[in-house]
Amino acid sequence: MVFVHTFAAMNNWIKIEDENILHVWVNDETNEEVEVSPDFYENNGEPCDDCGNVLRYSHTLIKNLDTTTQKH
């Protein structure tokens, strides 16, 4: 019997829907930041600049879904 270990099975992880996430990539030559949603990768692969150079991954943004902290 083979046990397959997944991160999801470790109760420390929660599912976040793709529409609530943006990945930020940086062009090191121009310092321009590019934000892409997870579905971008399905159609395009990694983000590239106009010359075809892959941008550097910087960080992930998660939409604040806590409506009690949002200003109206």
N, C-alpha and C. Protein backbone atom coordinates (compact mmCIF):
# COMPACT_ATOMS: atom_id res chain seq x y z
N MET A 1 0.84 -1.18 0.00
CA MET A 1 0.00 0.00 0.00
C MET A 1 0.89 1.25 0.00
N VAL A 2 0.57 2.19 -0.86
CA VAL A 2 1.33 3.43 -0.97
C VAL A 2 0.48 4.56 -0.40
N PHE A 3 1.07 5.35 0.51
CA PHE A 3 0.38 6.50 1.08
C PHE A 3 0.82 7.74 0.32
N VAL A 4 -0.12 8.44 -0.25
CA VAL A 4 0.18 9.67 -0.97
C VAL A 4 -0.08 10.83 -0.02
N HIS A 5 0.97 11.59 0.28
CA HIS A 5 0.86 12.72 1.20
C HIS A 5 0.56 13.98 0.41
N THR A 6 -0.47 14.70 0.79
CA THR A 6 -0.79 15.96 0.14
C THR A 6 -0.83 17.07 1.17
N PHE A 7 -0.51 18.28 0.75
CA PHE A 7 -0.58 19.43 1.64
C PHE A 7 -2.01 19.67 2.12
N ALA A 8 -2.98 19.42 1.25
CA ALA A 8 -4.37 19.66 1.62
C ALA A 8 -4.80 18.78 2.79
N ALA A 9 -4.18 17.64 2.93
CA ALA A 9 -4.54 16.73 4.01
C ALA A 9 -3.99 17.21 5.35
N MET A 10 -3.13 18.19 5.33
CA MET A 10 -2.50 18.67 6.54
C MET A 10 -3.30 19.80 7.16
N ASN A 11 -4.47 19.88 7.36
CA ASN A 11 -5.30 20.88 8.02
C ASN A 11 -4.73 22.28 8.15
N ASN A 12 -3.50 22.55 7.76
CA ASN A 12 -2.94 23.91 7.85
C ASN A 12 -3.26 24.73 6.60
N TRP A 13 -3.83 24.13 5.62
CA TRP A 13 -4.05 24.78 4.33
C TRP A 13 -5.53 25.02 4.12
N ILE A 14 -5.87 26.15 3.50
CA ILE A 14 -7.25 26.42 3.13
C ILE A 14 -7.30 26.71 1.63
N LYS A 15 -8.38 26.36 1.01
CA LYS A 15 -8.55 26.62 -0.42
C LYS A 15 -8.94 28.07 -0.63
N ILE A 16 -8.27 28.71 -1.57
CA ILE A 16 -8.59 30.08 -1.95
C ILE A 16 -8.94 30.05 -3.44
N GLU A 17 -10.10 30.53 -3.77
CA GLU A 17 -10.53 30.52 -5.17
C GLU A 17 -9.62 31.40 -6.02
N ASP A 18 -9.39 30.99 -7.25
CA ASP A 18 -8.48 31.69 -8.15
C ASP A 18 -8.81 33.17 -8.33
N GLU A 19 -10.10 33.51 -8.33
CA GLU A 19 -10.47 34.92 -8.55
C GLU A 19 -10.07 35.82 -7.37
N ASN A 20 -9.61 35.23 -6.28
CA ASN A 20 -9.18 36.00 -5.12
C ASN A 20 -7.66 36.08 -4.98
N ILE A 21 -6.94 35.67 -6.03
CA ILE A 21 -5.47 35.64 -5.99
C ILE A 21 -4.89 36.36 -7.20
N LEU A 22 -3.82 37.08 -6.98
CA LEU A 22 -3.00 37.63 -8.06
C LEU A 22 -1.54 37.31 -7.76
N HIS A 23 -0.81 36.87 -8.77
CA HIS A 23 0.63 36.67 -8.63
C HIS A 23 1.33 37.87 -9.24
N VAL A 24 2.33 38.39 -8.55
CA VAL A 24 3.05 39.57 -9.01
C VAL A 24 4.42 39.13 -9.52
N TRP A 25 4.72 39.51 -10.74
CA TRP A 25 6.00 39.23 -11.39
C TRP A 25 6.67 40.56 -11.69
N VAL A 26 8.01 40.57 -11.74
CA VAL A 26 8.75 41.82 -11.93
C VAL A 26 9.70 41.68 -13.11
N ASN A 27 9.72 42.73 -13.94
CA ASN A 27 10.73 42.86 -14.99
C ASN A 27 11.93 43.54 -14.35
N ASP A 28 13.03 42.81 -14.16
CA ASP A 28 14.19 43.36 -13.47
C ASP A 28 14.86 44.51 -14.22
N GLU A 29 14.67 44.58 -15.52
CA GLU A 29 15.29 45.67 -16.29
C GLU A 29 14.53 46.99 -16.13
N THR A 30 13.21 46.90 -15.99
CA THR A 30 12.39 48.13 -15.91
C THR A 30 11.76 48.33 -14.53
N ASN A 31 11.86 47.34 -13.67
CA ASN A 31 11.21 47.32 -12.35
C ASN A 31 9.68 47.38 -12.44
N GLU A 32 9.14 47.13 -13.61
CA GLU A 32 7.69 47.11 -13.79
C GLU A 32 7.12 45.83 -13.17
N GLU A 33 6.03 45.98 -12.41
CA GLU A 33 5.34 44.84 -11.84
C GLU A 33 4.17 44.45 -12.74
N VAL A 34 3.96 43.16 -12.89
CA VAL A 34 2.85 42.64 -13.68
C VAL A 34 2.06 41.71 -12.78
N GLU A 35 0.75 41.93 -12.68
CA GLU A 35 -0.12 41.08 -11.88
C GLU A 35 -0.89 40.16 -12.80
N VAL A 36 -0.86 38.86 -12.51
CA VAL A 36 -1.60 37.90 -13.32
C VAL A 36 -2.40 36.98 -12.40
N SER A 37 -3.55 36.56 -12.90
CA SER A 37 -4.38 35.62 -12.15
C SER A 37 -3.91 34.20 -12.46
N PRO A 38 -4.23 33.23 -11.61
CA PRO A 38 -3.78 31.86 -11.83
C PRO A 38 -4.17 31.29 -13.19
N ASP A 39 -5.32 31.67 -13.74
CA ASP A 39 -5.72 31.11 -15.04
C ASP A 39 -4.86 31.63 -16.19
N PHE A 40 -4.08 32.68 -15.98
CA PHE A 40 -3.17 33.19 -17.01
C PHE A 40 -2.22 32.10 -17.48
N TYR A 41 -1.72 31.30 -16.55
CA TYR A 41 -0.70 30.29 -16.87
C TYR A 41 -1.21 29.20 -17.80
N GLU A 42 -2.51 28.89 -17.71
CA GLU A 42 -3.10 27.86 -18.57
C GLU A 42 -2.94 28.21 -20.04
N ASN A 43 -3.13 29.46 -20.37
CA ASN A 43 -3.11 29.89 -21.77
C ASN A 43 -1.77 30.46 -22.22
N ASN A 44 -0.93 30.92 -21.27
CA ASN A 44 0.25 31.68 -21.65
C ASN A 44 1.57 31.18 -21.07
N GLY A 45 1.53 30.33 -20.08
CA GLY A 45 2.77 29.94 -19.39
C GLY A 45 3.22 31.07 -18.47
N GLU A 46 4.51 31.11 -18.18
CA GLU A 46 5.04 32.17 -17.31
C GLU A 46 5.01 33.52 -18.02
N PRO A 47 4.78 34.61 -17.27
CA PRO A 47 4.78 35.94 -17.88
C PRO A 47 6.16 36.30 -18.43
N CYS A 48 6.17 36.92 -19.60
CA CYS A 48 7.41 37.33 -20.27
C CYS A 48 7.34 38.80 -20.66
N ASP A 49 8.51 39.39 -20.87
CA ASP A 49 8.55 40.77 -21.36
C ASP A 49 8.41 40.75 -22.88
N ASP A 50 8.49 41.91 -23.51
CA ASP A 50 8.31 42.02 -24.97
C ASP A 50 9.37 41.25 -25.76
N CYS A 51 10.53 40.97 -25.14
CA CYS A 51 11.61 40.24 -25.81
C CYS A 51 11.53 38.74 -25.55
N GLY A 52 10.55 38.30 -24.78
CA GLY A 52 10.40 36.88 -24.51
C GLY A 52 11.13 36.40 -23.27
N ASN A 53 11.73 37.31 -22.49
CA ASN A 53 12.42 36.93 -21.26
C ASN A 53 11.41 36.73 -20.14
N VAL A 54 11.52 35.61 -19.44
CA VAL A 54 10.60 35.32 -18.33
C VAL A 54 10.83 36.31 -17.20
N LEU A 55 9.73 36.85 -16.68
CA LEU A 55 9.82 37.79 -15.56
C LEU A 55 10.13 37.03 -14.27
N ARG A 56 10.57 37.75 -13.25
CA ARG A 56 10.91 37.15 -11.96
C ARG A 56 9.68 37.20 -11.05
N TYR A 57 9.35 36.03 -10.48
CA TYR A 57 8.23 35.98 -9.54
C TYR A 57 8.59 36.80 -8.31
N SER A 58 7.65 37.61 -7.82
CA SER A 58 7.89 38.45 -6.66
C SER A 58 7.07 38.00 -5.45
N HIS A 59 5.73 37.99 -5.59
CA HIS A 59 4.89 37.63 -4.45
C HIS A 59 3.46 37.38 -4.91
N THR A 60 2.64 36.93 -3.97
CA THR A 60 1.23 36.65 -4.23
C THR A 60 0.37 37.61 -3.42
N LEU A 61 -0.68 38.11 -4.04
CA LEU A 61 -1.67 38.95 -3.36
C LEU A 61 -2.95 38.14 -3.19
N ILE A 62 -3.56 38.26 -2.01
CA ILE A 62 -4.83 37.61 -1.74
C ILE A 62 -5.85 38.69 -1.41
N LYS A 63 -6.98 38.64 -2.11
CA LYS A 63 -8.03 39.64 -1.90
C LYS A 63 -8.51 39.59 -0.45
N ASN A 64 -8.67 40.75 0.15
CA ASN A 64 -9.18 40.84 1.51
C ASN A 64 -10.69 40.62 1.46
N LEU A 65 -11.11 39.50 1.97
CA LEU A 65 -12.53 39.17 1.95
C LEU A 65 -13.23 39.49 3.25
N ASP A 66 -12.50 40.08 4.19
CA ASP A 66 -13.06 40.47 5.48
C ASP A 66 -13.74 41.83 5.31
N THR A 67 -15.04 41.82 5.15
CA THR A 67 -15.77 43.06 4.90
C THR A 67 -15.81 43.98 6.11
N THR A 68 -15.45 43.49 7.29
CA THR A 68 -15.46 44.34 8.48
C THR A 68 -14.30 45.32 8.50
N THR A 69 -13.24 45.07 7.69
CA THR A 69 -12.09 45.96 7.69
C THR A 69 -12.05 46.87 6.47
N GLN A 70 -12.99 46.69 5.55
CA GLN A 70 -12.99 47.50 4.34
C GLN A 70 -13.68 48.83 4.61
N LYS A 71 -13.11 49.90 4.02
CA LYS A 71 -13.72 51.22 4.16
C LYS A 71 -14.82 51.38 3.12
N HIS A 72 -15.87 52.07 3.51
CA HIS A 72 -17.00 52.29 2.59
C HIS A 72 -17.01 53.72 2.13
